[in-house]
C-alpha cells in the first residue's frame, strides 16, 4: 500500500465525506441516510437531515442524529437527490 501513491487509508476517505450525503448501515440492518456532520475515533457519528430506513422503507425523519460507533457496520457515500 505504501508503494502505491493512489492508495488511500480510511481516514482520508472519512475526511473527504464530512459534510456530504452518506448512508450509515447498522449491525441491526437499519440504514440512516443524511449529511455527515462529524465523527470521532470511536466511529461515533453525528448526522443532519437524517432519515431512518428499515428494510428499504422510510420509517422516520430526524433533524439531527447521533449514532454510537459500536453499532456501525459501514459508512458509504450517497448520491445527492
PDB file of N, CA and C in Angstrom:
ATOM      1  N   UNK A   1       0.821  -1.187   0.000  1.00  0.00           N
ATOM      2  CA  UNK A   1       0.000   0.000   0.000  1.00  0.00           C
ATOM      3  C   UNK A   1       0.864   1.250   0.000  1.00  0.00           C
ATOM      4  N   UNK A   2       1.979   1.219   0.689  1.00  0.00           N
ATOM      5  CA  UNK A   2       2.857   2.378   0.749  1.00  0.00           C
ATOM      6  C   UNK A   2       3.498   2.654  -0.601  1.00  0.00           C
ATOM      7  N   UNK A   3       3.641   1.613  -1.447  1.00  0.00           N
ATOM      8  CA  UNK A   3       4.249   1.787  -2.759  1.00  0.00           C
ATOM      9  C   UNK A   3       3.298   2.428  -3.758  1.00  0.00           C
ATOM     10  N   UNK A   4       2.018   2.395  -3.493  1.00  0.00           N
ATOM     11  CA  UNK A   4       1.020   2.914  -4.413  1.00  0.00           C
ATOM     12  C   UNK A   4       0.564   4.296  -3.953  1.00  0.00           C
ATOM     13  N   UNK A   5       0.972   5.362  -4.674  1.00  0.00           N
ATOM     14  CA  UNK A   5       0.575   6.712  -4.240  1.00  0.00           C
ATOM     15  C   UNK A   5      -0.924   6.963  -4.330  1.00  0.00           C
ATOM     16  N   UNK A   6      -1.632   6.170  -5.154  1.00  0.00           N
ATOM     17  CA  UNK A   6      -3.079   6.359  -5.285  1.00  0.00           C
ATOM     18  C   UNK A   6      -3.844   5.704  -4.138  1.00  0.00           C
ATOM     19  N   UNK A   7      -3.188   4.823  -3.388  1.00  0.00           N
ATOM     20  CA  UNK A   7      -3.863   4.144  -2.278  1.00  0.00           C
ATOM     21  C   UNK A   7      -4.178   5.142  -1.174  1.00  0.00           C
ATOM     22  N   UNK A   8      -5.354   4.989  -0.598  1.00  0.00           N
ATOM     23  CA  UNK A   8      -5.773   5.881   0.481  1.00  0.00           C
ATOM     24  C   UNK A   8      -6.125   5.049   1.697  1.00  0.00           C
ATOM     25  N   UNK A   9      -5.981   5.651   2.853  1.00  0.00           N
ATOM     26  CA  UNK A   9      -6.394   4.951   4.064  1.00  0.00           C
ATOM     27  C   UNK A   9      -7.798   5.415   4.447  1.00  0.00           C
ATOM     28  N   UNK A  10      -8.449   4.732   5.367  1.00  0.00           N
ATOM     29  CA  UNK A  10      -9.820   5.097   5.741  1.00  0.00           C
ATOM     30  C   UNK A  10      -9.959   6.529   6.260  1.00  0.00           C
ATOM     31  N   UNK A  11      -8.941   7.044   6.932  1.00  0.00           N
ATOM     32  CA  UNK A  11      -9.019   8.426   7.424  1.00  0.00           C
ATOM     33  C   UNK A  11      -9.161   9.418   6.282  1.00  0.00           C
ATOM     34  N   UNK A  12      -8.462   9.175   5.177  1.00  0.00           N
ATOM     35  CA  UNK A  12      -8.589  10.061   4.015  1.00  0.00           C
ATOM     36  C   UNK A  12     -10.023  10.058   3.496  1.00  0.00           C
ATOM     37  N   UNK A  13     -10.608   8.877   3.402  1.00  0.00           N
ATOM     38  CA  UNK A  13     -11.994   8.758   2.940  1.00  0.00           C
ATOM     39  C   UNK A  13     -12.941   9.504   3.875  1.00  0.00           C
ATOM     40  N   UNK A  14     -12.795   9.291   5.179  1.00  0.00           N
ATOM     41  CA  UNK A  14     -13.694   9.913   6.148  1.00  0.00           C
ATOM     42  C   UNK A  14     -13.574  11.430   6.144  1.00  0.00           C
ATOM     43  N   UNK A  15     -12.378  11.948   5.907  1.00  0.00           N
ATOM     44  CA  UNK A  15     -12.202  13.404   5.832  1.00  0.00           C
ATOM     45  C   UNK A  15     -12.905  13.975   4.606  1.00  0.00           C
ATOM     46  N   UNK A  16     -12.881  13.243   3.497  1.00  0.00           N
ATOM     47  CA  UNK A  16     -13.481  13.768   2.271  1.00  0.00           C
ATOM     48  C   UNK A  16     -15.005  13.735   2.287  1.00  0.00           C
ATOM     49  N   UNK A  17     -15.605  12.838   3.080  1.00  0.00           N
ATOM     50  CA  UNK A  17     -17.075  12.745   3.058  1.00  0.00           C
ATOM     51  C   UNK A  17     -17.750  13.596   4.126  1.00  0.00           C
ATOM     52  N   UNK A  18     -16.990  14.222   4.993  1.00  0.00           N
ATOM     53  CA  UNK A  18     -17.592  15.083   6.018  1.00  0.00           C
ATOM     54  C   UNK A  18     -18.350  16.216   5.330  1.00  0.00           C
ATOM     55  N   UNK A  19     -19.607  16.417   5.730  1.00  0.00           N
ATOM     56  CA  UNK A  19     -20.439  17.455   5.130  1.00  0.00           C
ATOM     57  C   UNK A  19     -21.178  17.000   3.879  1.00  0.00           C
ATOM     58  N   UNK A  20     -21.051  15.731   3.533  1.00  0.00           N
ATOM     59  CA  UNK A  20     -21.690  15.204   2.327  1.00  0.00           C
ATOM     60  C   UNK A  20     -22.726  14.136   2.683  1.00  0.00           C
ATOM     61  N   UNK A  21     -23.625  13.823   1.741  1.00  0.00           N
ATOM     62  CA  UNK A  21     -24.635  12.790   1.999  1.00  0.00           C
ATOM     63  C   UNK A  21     -23.991  11.408   2.146  1.00  0.00           C
ATOM     64  N   UNK A  22     -24.412  10.670   3.170  1.00  0.00           N
ATOM     65  CA  UNK A  22     -23.880   9.332   3.424  1.00  0.00           C
ATOM     66  C   UNK A  22     -25.003   8.376   3.807  1.00  0.00           C
ATOM     67  N   UNK A  23     -24.689   7.094   3.724  1.00  0.00           N
ATOM     68  CA  UNK A  23     -25.544   6.028   4.248  1.00  0.00           C
ATOM     69  C   UNK A  23     -24.749   5.345   5.340  1.00  0.00           C
ATOM     70  N   UNK A  24     -25.335   5.234   6.522  1.00  0.00           N
ATOM     71  CA  UNK A  24     -24.710   4.520   7.632  1.00  0.00           C
ATOM     72  C   UNK A  24     -25.550   3.271   7.882  1.00  0.00           C
ATOM     73  N   UNK A  25     -24.943   2.114   7.691  1.00  0.00           N
ATOM     74  CA  UNK A  25     -25.629   0.835   7.912  1.00  0.00           C
ATOM     75  C   UNK A  25     -25.241   0.331   9.290  1.00  0.00           C
ATOM     76  N   UNK A  26     -26.247  -0.017  10.092  1.00  0.00           N
ATOM     77  CA  UNK A  26     -26.003  -0.528  11.436  1.00  0.00           C
ATOM     78  C   UNK A  26     -25.942  -2.054  11.432  1.00  0.00           C
ATOM     79  N   UNK A  27     -25.369  -2.607  12.484  1.00  0.00           N
ATOM     80  CA  UNK A  27     -25.301  -4.059  12.641  1.00  0.00           C
ATOM     81  C   UNK A  27     -26.691  -4.691  12.626  1.00  0.00           C
ATOM     82  N   UNK A  28     -27.698  -3.944  13.040  1.00  0.00           N
ATOM     83  CA  UNK A  28     -29.079  -4.442  13.077  1.00  0.00           C
ATOM     84  C   UNK A  28     -29.726  -4.499  11.695  1.00  0.00           C
ATOM     85  N   UNK A  29     -29.077  -3.904  10.684  1.00  0.00           N
ATOM     86  CA  UNK A  29     -29.633  -3.873   9.338  1.00  0.00           C
ATOM     87  C   UNK A  29     -30.341  -2.581   9.000  1.00  0.00           C
ATOM     88  N   UNK A  30     -30.524  -1.695   9.967  1.00  0.00           N
ATOM     89  CA  UNK A  30     -31.182  -0.405   9.743  1.00  0.00           C
ATOM     90  C   UNK A  30     -30.200   0.541   9.057  1.00  0.00           C
ATOM     91  N   UNK A  31     -30.694   1.328   8.091  1.00  0.00           N
ATOM     92  CA  UNK A  31     -29.887   2.343   7.400  1.00  0.00           C
ATOM     93  C   UNK A  31     -30.285   3.723   7.891  1.00  0.00           C
ATOM     94  N   UNK A  32     -29.298   4.590   8.041  1.00  0.00           N
ATOM     95  CA  UNK A  32     -29.544   6.005   8.297  1.00  0.00           C
ATOM     96  C   UNK A  32     -28.909   6.777   7.162  1.00  0.00           C
ATOM     97  N   UNK A  33     -29.674   7.669   6.560  1.00  0.00           N
ATOM     98  CA  UNK A  33     -29.193   8.465   5.431  1.00  0.00           C
ATOM     99  C   UNK A  33     -29.309   9.927   5.793  1.00  0.00           C
ATOM    100  N   UNK A  34     -28.250  10.668   5.523  1.00  0.00           N
ATOM    101  CA  UNK A  34     -28.247  12.088   5.821  1.00  0.00           C
ATOM    102  C   UNK A  34     -26.880  12.686   5.572  1.00  0.00           C
ATOM    103  N   UNK A  35     -26.670  13.867   6.123  1.00  0.00           N
ATOM    104  CA  UNK A  35     -25.417  14.595   5.957  1.00  0.00           C
ATOM    105  C   UNK A  35     -24.499  14.263   7.128  1.00  0.00           C
ATOM    106  N   UNK A  36     -23.283  13.834   6.829  1.00  0.00           N
ATOM    107  CA  UNK A  36     -22.309  13.520   7.877  1.00  0.00           C
ATOM    108  C   UNK A  36     -21.785  14.823   8.468  1.00  0.00           C
ATOM    109  N   UNK A  37     -22.153  15.109   9.708  1.00  0.00           N
ATOM    110  CA  UNK A  37     -21.704  16.333  10.374  1.00  0.00           C
ATOM    111  C   UNK A  37     -20.301  16.144  10.941  1.00  0.00           C
ATOM    112  N   UNK A  38     -20.090  15.056  11.678  1.00  0.00           N
ATOM    113  CA  UNK A  38     -18.761  14.772  12.227  1.00  0.00           C
ATOM    114  C   UNK A  38     -18.715  13.353  12.752  1.00  0.00           C
ATOM    115  N   UNK A  39     -17.506  12.875  12.982  1.00  0.00           N
ATOM    116  CA  UNK A  39     -17.316  11.592  13.630  1.00  0.00           C
ATOM    117  C   UNK A  39     -15.995  11.609  14.366  1.00  0.00           C
ATOM    118  N   UNK A  40     -15.861  10.709  15.349  1.00  0.00           N
ATOM    119  CA  UNK A  40     -14.645  10.687  16.159  1.00  0.00           C
ATOM    120  C   UNK A  40     -13.896   9.371  15.951  1.00  0.00           C
ATOM    121  N   UNK A  41     -12.844   9.180  16.704  1.00  0.00           N
ATOM    122  CA  UNK A  41     -12.006   7.999  16.580  1.00  0.00           C
ATOM    123  C   UNK A  41     -12.689   6.703  16.963  1.00  0.00           C
ATOM    124  N   UNK A  42     -13.805   6.789  17.660  1.00  0.00           N
ATOM    125  CA  UNK A  42     -14.576   5.602  18.037  1.00  0.00           C
ATOM    126  C   UNK A  42     -15.685   5.308  17.034  1.00  0.00           C
ATOM    127  N   UNK A  43     -15.718   6.051  15.938  1.00  0.00           N
ATOM    128  CA  UNK A  43     -16.737   5.946  14.896  1.00  0.00           C
ATOM    129  C   UNK A  43     -18.112   6.386  15.383  1.00  0.00           C
ATOM    130  N   UNK A  44     -18.174   7.170  16.457  1.00  0.00           N
ATOM    131  CA  UNK A  44     -19.428   7.820  16.837  1.00  0.00           C
ATOM    132  C   UNK A  44     -19.726   8.835  15.745  1.00  0.00           C
ATOM    133  N   UNK A  45     -20.969   8.870  15.290  1.00  0.00           N
ATOM    134  CA  UNK A  45     -21.327   9.671  14.127  1.00  0.00           C
ATOM    135  C   UNK A  45     -22.425  10.660  14.483  1.00  0.00           C
ATOM    136  N   UNK A  46     -22.251  11.902  14.061  1.00  0.00           N
ATOM    137  CA  UNK A  46     -23.307  12.908  14.150  1.00  0.00           C
ATOM    138  C   UNK A  46     -23.766  13.202  12.727  1.00  0.00           C
ATOM    139  N   UNK A  47     -25.088  13.164  12.530  1.00  0.00           N
ATOM    140  CA  UNK A  47     -25.658  13.400  11.208  1.00  0.00           C
ATOM    141  C   UNK A  47     -26.731  14.476  11.277  1.00  0.00           C
ATOM    142  N   UNK A  48     -26.955  15.119  10.142  1.00  0.00           N
ATOM    143  CA  UNK A  48     -28.008  16.124   9.991  1.00  0.00           C
ATOM    144  C   UNK A  48     -28.960  15.652   8.894  1.00  0.00           C
ATOM    145  N   UNK A  49     -30.200  16.149   8.926  1.00  0.00           N
ATOM    146  CA  UNK A  49     -31.217  15.804   7.922  1.00  0.00           C
ATOM    147  C   UNK A  49     -31.304  14.282   7.763  1.00  0.00           C
ATOM    148  N   UNK A  50     -31.414  13.599   8.882  1.00  0.00           N
ATOM    149  CA  UNK A  50     -31.307  12.145   8.921  1.00  0.00           C
ATOM    150  C   UNK A  50     -32.648  11.460   8.664  1.00  0.00           C
ATOM    151  N   UNK A  51     -32.607  10.415   7.857  1.00  0.00           N
ATOM    152  CA  UNK A  51     -33.773   9.572   7.596  1.00  0.00           C
ATOM    153  C   UNK A  51     -33.428   8.139   7.985  1.00  0.00           C
ATOM    154  N   UNK A  52     -34.376   7.456   8.615  1.00  0.00           N
ATOM    155  CA  UNK A  52     -34.187   6.071   9.038  1.00  0.00           C
ATOM    156  C   UNK A  52     -34.937   5.143   8.086  1.00  0.00           C
ATOM    157  N   UNK A  53     -34.238   4.142   7.560  1.00  0.00           N
ATOM    158  CA  UNK A  53     -34.829   3.168   6.647  1.00  0.00           C
ATOM    159  C   UNK A  53     -34.732   1.776   7.251  1.00  0.00           C
ATOM    160  N   UNK A  54     -35.853   1.073   7.278  1.00  0.00           N
ATOM    161  CA  UNK A  54     -35.906  -0.310   7.749  1.00  0.00           C
ATOM    162  C   UNK A  54     -36.412  -1.149   6.581  1.00  0.00           C
ATOM    163  N   UNK A  55     -35.639  -2.146   6.195  1.00  0.00           N
ATOM    164  CA  UNK A  55     -35.978  -2.992   5.037  1.00  0.00           C
ATOM    165  C   UNK A  55     -36.244  -2.155   3.791  1.00  0.00           C
ATOM    166  N   UNK A  56     -35.469  -1.091   3.617  1.00  0.00           N
ATOM    167  CA  UNK A  56     -35.592  -0.240   2.441  1.00  0.00           C
ATOM    168  C   UNK A  56     -36.738   0.746   2.476  1.00  0.00           C
ATOM    169  N   UNK A  57     -37.536   0.739   3.533  1.00  0.00           N
ATOM    170  CA  UNK A  57     -38.692   1.628   3.647  1.00  0.00           C
ATOM    171  C   UNK A  57     -38.400   2.754   4.633  1.00  0.00           C
ATOM    172  N   UNK A  58     -38.731   3.983   4.247  1.00  0.00           N
ATOM    173  CA  UNK A  58     -38.555   5.133   5.130  1.00  0.00           C
ATOM    174  C   UNK A  58     -39.458   4.980   6.348  1.00  0.00           C
ATOM    175  N   UNK A  59     -38.875   5.032   7.551  1.00  0.00           N
ATOM    176  CA  UNK A  59     -39.652   4.876   8.785  1.00  0.00           C
ATOM    177  C   UNK A  59     -39.759   6.179   9.570  1.00  0.00           C
ATOM    178  N   UNK A  60     -38.663   6.937   9.655  1.00  0.00           N
ATOM    179  CA  UNK A  60     -38.660   8.182  10.432  1.00  0.00           C
ATOM    180  C   UNK A  60     -37.737   9.197   9.801  1.00  0.00           C
ATOM    181  N   UNK A  61     -38.029  10.467  10.087  1.00  0.00           N
ATOM    182  CA  UNK A  61     -37.136  11.557   9.704  1.00  0.00           C
ATOM    183  C   UNK A  61     -36.723  12.278  10.976  1.00  0.00           C
ATOM    184  N   UNK A  62     -35.433  12.541  11.097  1.00  0.00           N
ATOM    185  CA  UNK A  62     -34.891  13.241  12.260  1.00  0.00           C
ATOM    186  C   UNK A  62     -34.120  14.456  11.767  1.00  0.00           C
ATOM    187  N   UNK A  63     -34.089  15.497  12.554  1.00  0.00           N
ATOM    188  CA  UNK A  63     -33.238  16.631  12.215  1.00  0.00           C
ATOM    189  C   UNK A  63     -31.787  16.224  12.380  1.00  0.00           C
ATOM    190  N   UNK A  64     -31.382  16.069  13.620  1.00  0.00           N
ATOM    191  CA  UNK A  64     -30.023  15.651  13.947  1.00  0.00           C
ATOM    192  C   UNK A  64     -30.080  14.278  14.601  1.00  0.00           C
ATOM    193  N   UNK A  65     -29.048  13.485  14.367  1.00  0.00           N
ATOM    194  CA  UNK A  65     -28.987  12.152  14.967  1.00  0.00           C
ATOM    195  C   UNK A  65     -27.559  11.857  15.390  1.00  0.00           C
ATOM    196  N   UNK A  66     -27.429  11.091  16.464  1.00  0.00           N
ATOM    197  CA  UNK A  66     -26.131  10.636  16.944  1.00  0.00           C
ATOM    198  C   UNK A  66     -26.161   9.115  16.960  1.00  0.00           C
ATOM    199  N   UNK A  67     -25.164   8.508  16.345  1.00  0.00           N
ATOM    200  CA  UNK A  67     -25.086   7.047  16.278  1.00  0.00           C
ATOM    201  C   UNK A  67     -23.814   6.607  16.981  1.00  0.00           C
ATOM    202  N   UNK A  68     -23.976   5.729  17.943  1.00  0.00           N
ATOM    203  CA  UNK A  68     -22.821   5.214  18.677  1.00  0.00           C
ATOM    204  C   UNK A  68     -22.005   4.284  17.770  1.00  0.00           C
ATOM    205  N   UNK A  69     -20.704   4.471  17.788  1.00  0.00           N
ATOM    206  CA  UNK A  69     -19.814   3.796  16.851  1.00  0.00           C
ATOM    207  C   UNK A  69     -19.843   2.285  16.879  1.00  0.00           C
ATOM    208  N   UNK A  70     -20.092   1.679  18.032  1.00  0.00           N
ATOM    209  CA  UNK A  70     -20.065   0.217  18.084  1.00  0.00           C
ATOM    210  C   UNK A  70     -21.254  -0.418  17.364  1.00  0.00           C
ATOM    211  N   UNK A  71     -22.226   0.386  16.948  1.00  0.00           N
ATOM    212  CA  UNK A  71     -23.377  -0.117  16.194  1.00  0.00           C
ATOM    213  C   UNK A  71     -23.181  -0.040  14.685  1.00  0.00           C
ATOM    214  N   UNK A  72     -22.111   0.624  14.231  1.00  0.00           N
ATOM    215  CA  UNK A  72     -21.914   0.903  12.807  1.00  0.00           C
ATOM    216  C   UNK A  72     -21.278  -0.289  12.095  1.00  0.00           C
ATOM    217  N   UNK A  73     -21.938  -0.758  11.041  1.00  0.00           N
ATOM    218  CA  UNK A  73     -21.376  -1.803  10.194  1.00  0.00           C
ATOM    219  C   UNK A  73     -20.504  -1.163   9.117  1.00  0.00           C
ATOM    220  N   UNK A  74     -21.050  -0.126   8.427  1.00  0.00           N
ATOM    221  CA  UNK A  74     -20.248   0.588   7.434  1.00  0.00           C
ATOM    222  C   UNK A  74     -20.842   1.963   7.157  1.00  0.00           C
ATOM    223  N   UNK A  75     -20.026   2.801   6.525  1.00  0.00           N
ATOM    224  CA  UNK A  75     -20.437   4.125   6.054  1.00  0.00           C
ATOM    225  C   UNK A  75     -20.120   4.174   4.568  1.00  0.00           C
ATOM    226  N   UNK A  76     -21.063   4.651   3.766  1.00  0.00           N
ATOM    227  CA  UNK A  76     -20.796   4.823   2.342  1.00  0.00           C
ATOM    228  C   UNK A  76     -21.349   6.162   1.884  1.00  0.00           C
ATOM    229  N   UNK A  77     -20.838   6.636   0.765  1.00  0.00           N
ATOM    230  CA  UNK A  77     -21.339   7.887   0.212  1.00  0.00           C
ATOM    231  C   UNK A  77     -22.683   7.626  -0.450  1.00  0.00           C
ATOM    232  N   UNK A  78     -23.455   8.688  -0.550  1.00  0.00           N
ATOM    233  CA  UNK A  78     -24.795   8.605  -1.137  1.00  0.00           C
ATOM    234  C   UNK A  78     -24.883   9.653  -2.217  1.00  0.00           C
ATOM    235  N   UNK A  79     -25.493   9.303  -3.339  1.00  0.00           N
ATOM    236  CA  UNK A  79     -25.687  10.278  -4.399  1.00  0.00           C
ATOM    237  C   UNK A  79     -26.680  11.331  -3.932  1.00  0.00           C
ATOM    238  N   UNK A  80     -26.389  12.620  -4.177  1.00  0.00           N
ATOM    239  CA  UNK A  80     -27.357  13.664  -3.806  1.00  0.00           C
ATOM    240  C   UNK A  80     -28.664  13.462  -4.562  1.00  0.00           C
ATOM    241  N   UNK A  81     -29.773  13.819  -3.906  1.00  0.00           N
ATOM    242  CA  UNK A  81     -31.091  13.644  -4.536  1.00  0.00           C
ATOM    243  C   UNK A  81     -31.431  14.812  -5.400  1.00  0.00           C
TER     244      UNK A  81
END
